[in-house]
Protein backbone atom coordinates (compact mmCIF):
# COMPACT_ATOMS: atom_id res chain seq x y z
CA MET A 1 21.50 10.41 3.80
CA ASP A 2 20.51 7.45 5.75
CA ARG A 3 17.33 5.80 6.21
CA GLY A 4 15.07 7.43 9.26
CA ASP A 5 16.53 10.84 8.42
CA LEU A 6 14.06 13.54 8.27
CA LEU A 7 14.31 16.37 5.64
CA LEU A 8 11.96 19.00 3.78
CA ALA A 9 11.22 18.29 0.19
CA PRO A 10 8.85 20.65 -1.94
CA PHE A 11 5.25 19.88 -2.54
CA PRO A 12 3.07 21.99 -4.88
CA TYR A 13 0.14 23.78 -3.39
CA SER A 14 -3.37 22.26 -4.51
CA ASP A 15 -3.83 25.34 -7.04
CA LEU A 16 -0.16 24.36 -8.55
CA ARG A 17 0.84 27.86 -8.32
CA GLY A 18 3.82 27.41 -5.79
CA LEU A 19 5.52 25.06 -3.71
CA LYS A 20 5.69 24.36 0.26
CA ARG A 21 8.59 22.66 2.23
CA ARG A 22 7.40 19.85 3.92
CA PRO A 23 8.90 17.03 6.16
CA VAL A 24 9.65 13.53 4.46
CA CYS A 25 11.41 10.53 6.14
CA VAL A 26 14.22 8.61 4.02
CA VAL A 27 13.19 5.14 3.62
CA SER A 28 15.51 3.97 0.59
CA SER A 29 18.68 1.94 1.58
CA VAL A 30 21.96 3.67 2.13
CA ALA A 31 23.19 1.94 -1.05
CA HIS A 32 20.15 3.36 -3.10
CA SER A 33 20.78 6.72 -1.66
CA GLN A 34 23.99 7.11 -2.77
CA GLY A 35 22.63 7.74 -6.50
CA PRO A 36 21.05 10.83 -7.86
CA ASP A 37 17.86 10.46 -6.05
CA VAL A 38 16.24 9.03 -2.76
CA ILE A 39 12.92 7.27 -1.70
CA VAL A 40 11.07 9.16 1.01
CA ALA A 41 7.70 8.99 3.03
CA MET A 42 5.58 11.74 3.54
CA VAL A 43 5.49 13.12 6.99
CA THR A 44 2.33 14.82 8.45
CA SER A 45 0.88 16.42 11.64
CA SER A 46 -2.76 15.97 10.74
CA SER A 47 -4.41 14.36 13.57
CA ALA A 48 -7.05 12.67 11.34
CA ARG A 49 -4.19 10.42 10.10
CA MET A 50 -3.28 9.25 13.85
CA THR A 51 -6.64 7.56 14.08
CA GLN A 52 -6.41 5.59 10.84
CA PRO A 53 -4.32 2.41 11.70
CA GLY A 54 -3.92 -0.55 9.20
CA ILE A 55 -3.14 1.71 6.07
CA GLY A 56 0.49 1.59 6.84
CA ASP A 57 0.32 5.10 8.85
CA VAL A 58 2.98 4.95 11.44
CA VAL A 59 2.62 7.69 14.81
CA LEU A 60 5.82 8.40 15.61
CA GLU A 61 6.41 8.13 19.46
CA ASP A 62 9.56 10.28 19.73
CA TRP A 63 8.80 13.06 17.29
CA ARG A 64 10.04 15.56 19.78
CA ALA A 65 13.57 14.02 19.74
CA ALA A 66 13.40 13.36 16.03
CA GLY A 67 13.26 17.29 15.46
CA LEU A 68 9.52 17.78 14.62
CA ARG A 69 7.64 20.56 16.00
CA GLN A 70 4.45 18.55 16.59
CA PRO A 71 3.00 14.85 17.02
CA SER A 72 3.37 13.35 13.74
CA VAL A 73 2.68 10.35 11.40
CA VAL A 74 4.94 8.71 8.62
CA ARG A 75 2.72 7.96 5.60
CA ALA A 76 4.39 4.85 4.75
CA GLY A 77 2.07 4.36 1.65
CA ARG A 78 2.81 7.79 0.22
CA LEU A 79 6.28 7.35 -1.22
CA LEU A 80 7.90 9.88 -3.64
CA VAL A 81 11.18 9.58 -5.56
CA VAL A 82 13.18 12.93 -4.99
CA GLU A 83 16.43 14.19 -6.30
CA HIS A 84 18.89 15.01 -3.48
CA ARG A 85 19.31 18.60 -4.54
CA LEU A 86 15.67 19.24 -4.00
CA LEU A 87 15.80 18.41 -0.36
CA ALA A 88 16.72 20.61 2.36
CA GLY A 89 17.55 20.00 6.35
CA PRO A 90 18.20 17.63 8.13
CA LEU A 91 15.35 18.28 10.70
CA GLY A 92 16.64 15.18 12.49
CA ARG A 93 16.32 11.46 12.75
CA LEU A 94 13.90 8.86 13.56
CA SER A 95 14.42 6.83 16.81
CA SER A 96 15.21 3.24 16.33
CA ARG A 97 11.69 2.35 17.65
CA ASP A 98 10.11 4.61 15.16
CA LEU A 99 12.42 3.44 12.19
CA THR A 100 11.24 0.17 13.28
CA ALA A 101 7.72 0.94 13.01
CA VAL A 102 8.12 2.68 9.82
CA ASP A 103 9.53 -0.27 8.49
CA GLU A 104 6.34 -2.46 9.55
CA GLY A 105 4.23 0.35 8.03
CA LEU A 106 5.86 0.01 4.58
CA LYS A 107 5.22 -3.79 4.65
CA VAL A 108 1.69 -3.11 5.29
CA ALA A 109 1.42 -0.63 2.56
CA LEU A 110 3.32 -2.67 0.02
CA GLY A 111 1.71 -5.75 0.87
CA LEU A 112 4.64 -7.47 2.20
CA GLN A 113 3.39 -9.11 5.07
């Protein structure tokens, strides 16, 4: 698994009675991803997220080429640590332009600027 890979991860429904697989973006380093788990950021196609700048959300420019079905946002402030065995895919991979934007979003979300 490499940074920028798009995969599917299980997320519980709000009533906690089941799981739905949703897209995530690998943000951990290759060295970290060699372990039993990986750090990922949530990906959403919610149009409301595309109008909230300044919180680390990154609107993907090359979403179609990345293998996503709809315009999407990487939620750099919504990070998860997931075991490799729970991930499915790959769906695709972010372009270098979008991965650079995600890096900037992580800096904003984590207060590293």
